Amino acid sequence: MAQPPSSTDDEPVPAAQGASRSGALMMCAAAGLVLIAGLINGHGDSAGSSSPAGAPRPAAAAPQSAATSAPRSTGTDSGQPVGKRMPRSAPVRLRIPKIWVDAPFTDLYLNSSGQLEPPPAADTNLVGWHAKGAAPGETGTAVIAGHVDTKTSAAVFANLGELKKGDVFYVDRADGSTATFQVDDAETFEKSDFPSDRVYDDTPRAEARLITCAGDYDHSAHDYTDNLVVFAHLI
């Protein structure tokens, strides 16, 4: 991926629609992915342009969710029994063998505007998770964000787009257990038309979203145009 200019962007990720436990935030990697819009790109400390679901967000921070019924699965149906899950435990390390990722986690929280703050841009080998949302392996949608690049080099999710259906990745957890996820799908969305409900709404099984920036770098906006989202479920 082409490296963006050396400007610095510190915009946080906009909150995602939905009041579900994991569906309140979103990230990217360009300039403040909407964590997803800016969080993932590393030009600053923002993570993206949309927000993942998780902790309740300020009432005025994002539009009300269109879905108020039971959570629905957002990834490809893998046949995993509904309700299969692991006890809640904070993630400590993300390992994705196919794209040589072996990175520690940092906690990410919503700011006063209801946006998810991005991981520190200075560390190119670091991922963040929505600490008030579902933990990886726990029932619901765990949101994991990382930068695609920084002002000086490629970052942890530079090769995220290489993941395909059936690939696996691992989340080592604080309780000593490891949550193994299988990829259901990987899709790129324009930040201006990001499907927040689909990405962040809680699900009846344990799922995860890996999010970063993608598309072209908009020099005028100091941000990437798209967000890449990898959908996965616990196996």
Protein backbone atom coordinates (compact mmCIF):
# COMPACT_ATOMS: atom_id res chain seq x y z
CA MET A 1 0.00 0.00 0.00
CA ALA A 2 1.25 3.45 -0.83
CA GLN A 3 2.53 5.36 2.12
CA PRO A 4 0.53 8.47 3.08
CA PRO A 5 2.13 11.86 3.52
CA SER A 6 3.90 12.78 6.73
CA SER A 7 1.02 14.79 8.15
CA THR A 8 -0.25 13.91 11.61
CA ASP A 9 -3.91 13.23 12.29
CA ASP A 10 -5.25 12.55 15.74
CA GLU A 11 -8.94 12.15 15.07
CA PRO A 12 -10.71 9.42 17.05
CA VAL A 13 -12.98 6.81 15.62
CA PRO A 14 -16.61 7.81 15.27
CA ALA A 15 -19.11 5.87 17.28
CA ALA A 16 -20.99 3.16 15.47
CA GLN A 17 -24.73 2.88 15.46
CA GLY A 18 -26.40 0.55 17.88
CA ALA A 19 -26.54 0.44 21.63
CA SER A 20 -25.38 -3.12 21.89
CA ARG A 21 -22.52 -3.98 24.12
CA SER A 22 -19.96 -4.15 21.35
CA GLY A 23 -21.59 -2.00 18.72
CA ALA A 24 -20.75 1.49 19.82
CA LEU A 25 -17.46 2.08 18.08
CA MET A 26 -15.52 1.77 14.92
CA MET A 27 -11.95 2.13 13.65
CA CYS A 28 -9.71 2.58 10.70
CA ALA A 29 -6.09 3.29 10.33
CA ALA A 30 -5.49 6.27 8.29
CA ALA A 31 -5.94 9.33 10.28
CA GLY A 32 -8.46 8.60 12.84
CA LEU A 33 -10.13 5.87 11.04
CA VAL A 34 -13.37 6.23 12.05
CA LEU A 35 -11.54 3.76 14.23
CA ILE A 36 -11.69 2.64 11.76
CA ALA A 37 -11.39 5.47 9.66
CA GLY A 38 -8.50 7.04 11.26
CA LEU A 39 -7.42 4.66 13.87
CA ILE A 40 -6.01 2.18 11.57
CA ASN A 41 -3.83 4.21 9.42
CA GLY A 42 -1.37 5.64 11.81
CA HIS A 43 -1.06 9.17 10.54
CA GLY A 44 -2.11 10.23 13.89
CA ASP A 45 -3.74 8.60 16.79
CA SER A 46 -7.15 8.18 15.29
CA ALA A 47 -8.37 4.81 14.41
CA GLY A 48 -11.19 4.98 12.02
CA SER A 49 -14.30 6.63 10.84
CA SER A 50 -16.87 4.34 12.33
CA SER A 51 -17.21 2.96 15.79
CA PRO A 52 -17.54 -0.56 17.10
CA ALA A 53 -20.24 -1.71 19.37
CA GLY A 54 -19.57 -2.29 22.97
CA ALA A 55 -20.00 0.08 25.83
CA PRO A 56 -22.91 2.50 25.92
CA ARG A 57 -22.05 5.70 24.10
CA PRO A 58 -23.17 9.23 24.94
CA ALA A 59 -26.75 9.73 23.79
CA ALA A 60 -25.83 12.45 21.34
CA ALA A 61 -22.68 10.82 20.02
CA ALA A 62 -24.30 8.65 17.39
CA PRO A 63 -27.68 7.96 15.81
CA GLN A 64 -29.91 5.40 17.43
CA SER A 65 -29.54 1.87 16.22
CA ALA A 66 -32.09 0.63 13.76
CA ALA A 67 -32.03 -2.75 15.45
CA THR A 68 -33.47 -3.16 18.89
CA SER A 69 -34.29 -6.85 18.77
CA ALA A 70 -32.05 -9.77 19.62
CA PRO A 71 -28.48 -9.61 18.28
CA ARG A 72 -27.94 -11.15 14.88
CA SER A 73 -24.95 -12.83 13.32
CA THR A 74 -23.06 -10.49 10.98
CA GLY A 75 -20.52 -12.84 9.48
CA THR A 76 -20.90 -15.86 7.26
CA ASP A 77 -22.73 -18.66 9.05
CA SER A 78 -20.14 -21.23 10.03
CA GLY A 79 -22.49 -23.53 11.87
CA GLN A 80 -20.96 -22.72 15.26
CA PRO A 81 -23.52 -23.46 18.00
CA VAL A 82 -25.15 -20.31 19.35
CA GLY A 83 -23.93 -19.63 22.86
CA LYS A 84 -20.48 -21.19 22.50
CA ARG A 85 -18.11 -18.84 24.28
CA MET A 86 -15.23 -18.39 26.66
CA PRO A 87 -15.31 -16.59 30.02
CA ARG A 88 -14.45 -12.91 29.83
CA SER A 89 -10.70 -12.27 29.92
CA ALA A 90 -8.68 -9.39 28.53
CA PRO A 91 -6.63 -10.08 25.38
CA VAL A 92 -2.87 -9.79 25.68
CA ARG A 93 -1.53 -10.80 22.26
CA LEU A 94 -2.82 -11.18 18.69
CA ARG A 95 -1.19 -13.78 16.43
CA ILE A 96 -2.02 -14.06 12.74
CA PRO A 97 0.51 -16.53 11.27
CA LYS A 98 -0.50 -15.98 7.63
CA ILE A 99 0.48 -12.30 7.67
CA TRP A 100 3.24 -12.52 10.31
CA VAL A 101 1.39 -10.58 12.99
CA ASP A 102 2.48 -11.13 16.58
CA ALA A 103 1.46 -8.03 18.51
CA PRO A 104 0.50 -7.01 22.04
CA PHE A 105 -2.83 -5.36 22.86
CA THR A 106 -3.62 -2.01 24.37
CA ASP A 107 -7.02 -0.98 25.78
CA LEU A 108 -9.10 1.48 23.75
CA TYR A 109 -11.95 3.57 25.13
CA LEU A 110 -14.57 6.00 23.89
CA ASN A 111 -13.78 9.69 24.20
CA SER A 112 -16.22 12.39 25.29
CA SER A 113 -17.65 12.51 21.77
CA GLY A 114 -18.46 8.82 21.77
CA GLN A 115 -15.61 7.92 19.42
CA LEU A 116 -13.16 5.12 19.99
CA GLU A 117 -9.64 6.39 20.51
CA PRO A 118 -7.01 4.75 18.25
CA PRO A 119 -3.91 2.86 19.39
CA PRO A 120 -0.78 5.02 19.80
CA ALA A 121 0.55 5.76 16.32
CA ALA A 122 4.20 5.68 17.39
CA ASP A 123 4.18 1.91 17.91
CA THR A 124 3.87 0.09 14.58
CA ASN A 125 3.43 -3.34 16.22
CA LEU A 126 0.44 -2.75 18.48
CA VAL A 127 -3.27 -3.50 18.26
CA GLY A 128 -6.10 -2.15 20.36
CA TRP A 129 -9.42 -3.58 21.49
CA HIS A 130 -12.61 -1.93 22.70
CA ALA A 131 -12.11 -2.63 26.39
CA LYS A 132 -15.72 -1.84 27.32
CA GLY A 133 -17.06 -4.20 24.69
CA ALA A 134 -16.95 -7.95 24.34
CA ALA A 135 -13.55 -9.54 24.97
CA PRO A 136 -12.22 -11.82 22.22
CA GLY A 137 -13.76 -15.24 22.88
CA GLU A 138 -16.68 -13.86 24.86
CA THR A 139 -20.20 -13.91 23.42
CA GLY A 140 -20.72 -10.84 21.28
CA THR A 141 -18.62 -8.84 18.87
CA ALA A 142 -15.03 -8.10 19.90
CA VAL A 143 -13.54 -5.13 18.06
CA ILE A 144 -9.81 -5.16 17.32
CA ALA A 145 -8.17 -2.22 15.51
CA GLY A 146 -4.70 -1.58 14.18
CA HIS A 147 -2.85 0.88 11.96
CA VAL A 148 -2.08 0.01 8.37
CA ASP A 149 0.91 2.36 8.29
CA THR A 150 2.52 5.33 10.00
CA LYS A 151 4.35 8.41 8.76
CA THR A 152 7.54 6.38 8.49
CA SER A 153 6.68 2.74 7.82
CA ALA A 154 4.11 0.00 7.38
CA ALA A 155 2.28 -0.99 10.56
CA VAL A 156 0.76 -4.08 12.16
CA PHE A 157 -2.24 -4.43 9.80
CA ALA A 158 -0.38 -3.59 6.58
CA ASN A 159 -1.19 -7.06 5.17
CA LEU A 160 -4.64 -7.53 6.70
CA GLY A 161 -6.21 -7.61 3.24
CA GLU A 162 -4.50 -10.94 2.54
CA LEU A 163 -6.76 -12.79 4.97
CA LYS A 164 -9.38 -15.00 3.31
CA LYS A 165 -12.29 -17.16 4.41
CA GLY A 166 -11.01 -20.14 6.38
CA ASP A 167 -7.82 -18.50 7.63
CA VAL A 168 -7.28 -18.58 11.38
CA PHE A 169 -5.82 -16.23 13.96
CA TYR A 170 -5.27 -16.46 17.69
CA VAL A 171 -5.84 -14.19 20.67
CA ASP A 172 -3.82 -15.05 23.78
CA ARG A 173 -5.72 -13.96 26.88
CA ALA A 174 -4.85 -12.83 30.39
CA ASP A 175 -6.28 -16.00 31.95
CA GLY A 176 -3.75 -18.12 30.05
CA SER A 177 -6.23 -19.39 27.47
CA THR A 178 -6.13 -18.82 23.71
CA ALA A 179 -9.17 -17.90 21.61
CA THR A 180 -8.94 -19.30 18.07
CA PHE A 181 -10.89 -17.49 15.35
CA GLN A 182 -11.67 -18.50 11.79
CA VAL A 183 -12.20 -15.85 9.13
CA ASP A 184 -15.68 -15.74 7.59
CA ASP A 185 -15.15 -12.83 5.23
CA ALA A 186 -13.09 -9.72 4.56
CA GLU A 187 -14.73 -6.66 3.04
CA THR A 188 -13.82 -3.08 2.24
CA PHE A 189 -16.34 -0.31 2.84
CA GLU A 190 -16.34 3.37 1.98
CA LYS A 191 -16.15 5.34 5.19
CA SER A 192 -19.04 7.46 4.00
CA ASP A 193 -21.23 4.35 3.76
CA PHE A 194 -19.94 2.18 6.58
CA PRO A 195 -22.40 -0.56 7.72
CA SER A 196 -22.06 0.08 11.44
CA ASP A 197 -24.91 -2.24 12.44
CA ARG A 198 -23.44 -5.15 10.52
CA VAL A 199 -19.94 -4.60 11.83
CA TYR A 200 -20.61 -3.69 15.44
CA ASP A 201 -23.92 -5.17 16.54
CA ASP A 202 -23.62 -7.92 19.12
CA THR A 203 -24.06 -11.48 17.92
CA PRO A 204 -25.42 -14.62 19.65
CA ARG A 205 -22.02 -16.28 19.29
CA ALA A 206 -18.46 -15.15 19.95
CA GLU A 207 -17.20 -13.17 16.96
CA ALA A 208 -14.42 -10.69 16.23
CA ARG A 209 -13.78 -7.83 13.82
CA LEU A 210 -10.31 -6.84 12.71
CA ILE A 211 -10.40 -3.28 11.38
CA THR A 212 -7.99 -0.97 9.60
CA CYS A 213 -7.88 1.67 6.88
CA ALA A 214 -7.92 0.93 3.18
CA GLY A 215 -8.48 2.54 -0.18
CA ASP A 216 -6.82 5.70 -1.44
CA TYR A 217 -5.26 8.31 0.78
CA ASP A 218 -7.18 11.59 0.57
CA HIS A 219 -4.56 14.32 1.02
CA SER A 220 -7.17 17.02 1.58
CA ALA A 221 -8.91 15.05 4.33
CA HIS A 222 -5.67 13.51 5.67
CA ASP A 223 -7.39 10.16 5.78
CA TYR A 224 -7.98 7.01 3.78
CA THR A 225 -11.22 6.66 1.88
CA ASP A 226 -12.18 3.17 3.04
CA ASN A 227 -12.13 0.74 5.94
CA LEU A 228 -11.17 -2.92 5.71
CA VAL A 229 -13.08 -5.25 8.04
CA VAL A 230 -12.29 -8.92 8.63
CA PHE A 231 -15.24 -10.88 10.06
CA ALA A 232 -14.41 -13.96 12.12
CA HIS A 233 -15.94 -16.35 14.66
CA LEU A 234 -14.63 -18.40 17.58
CA ILE A 235 -13.89 -22.04 16.83
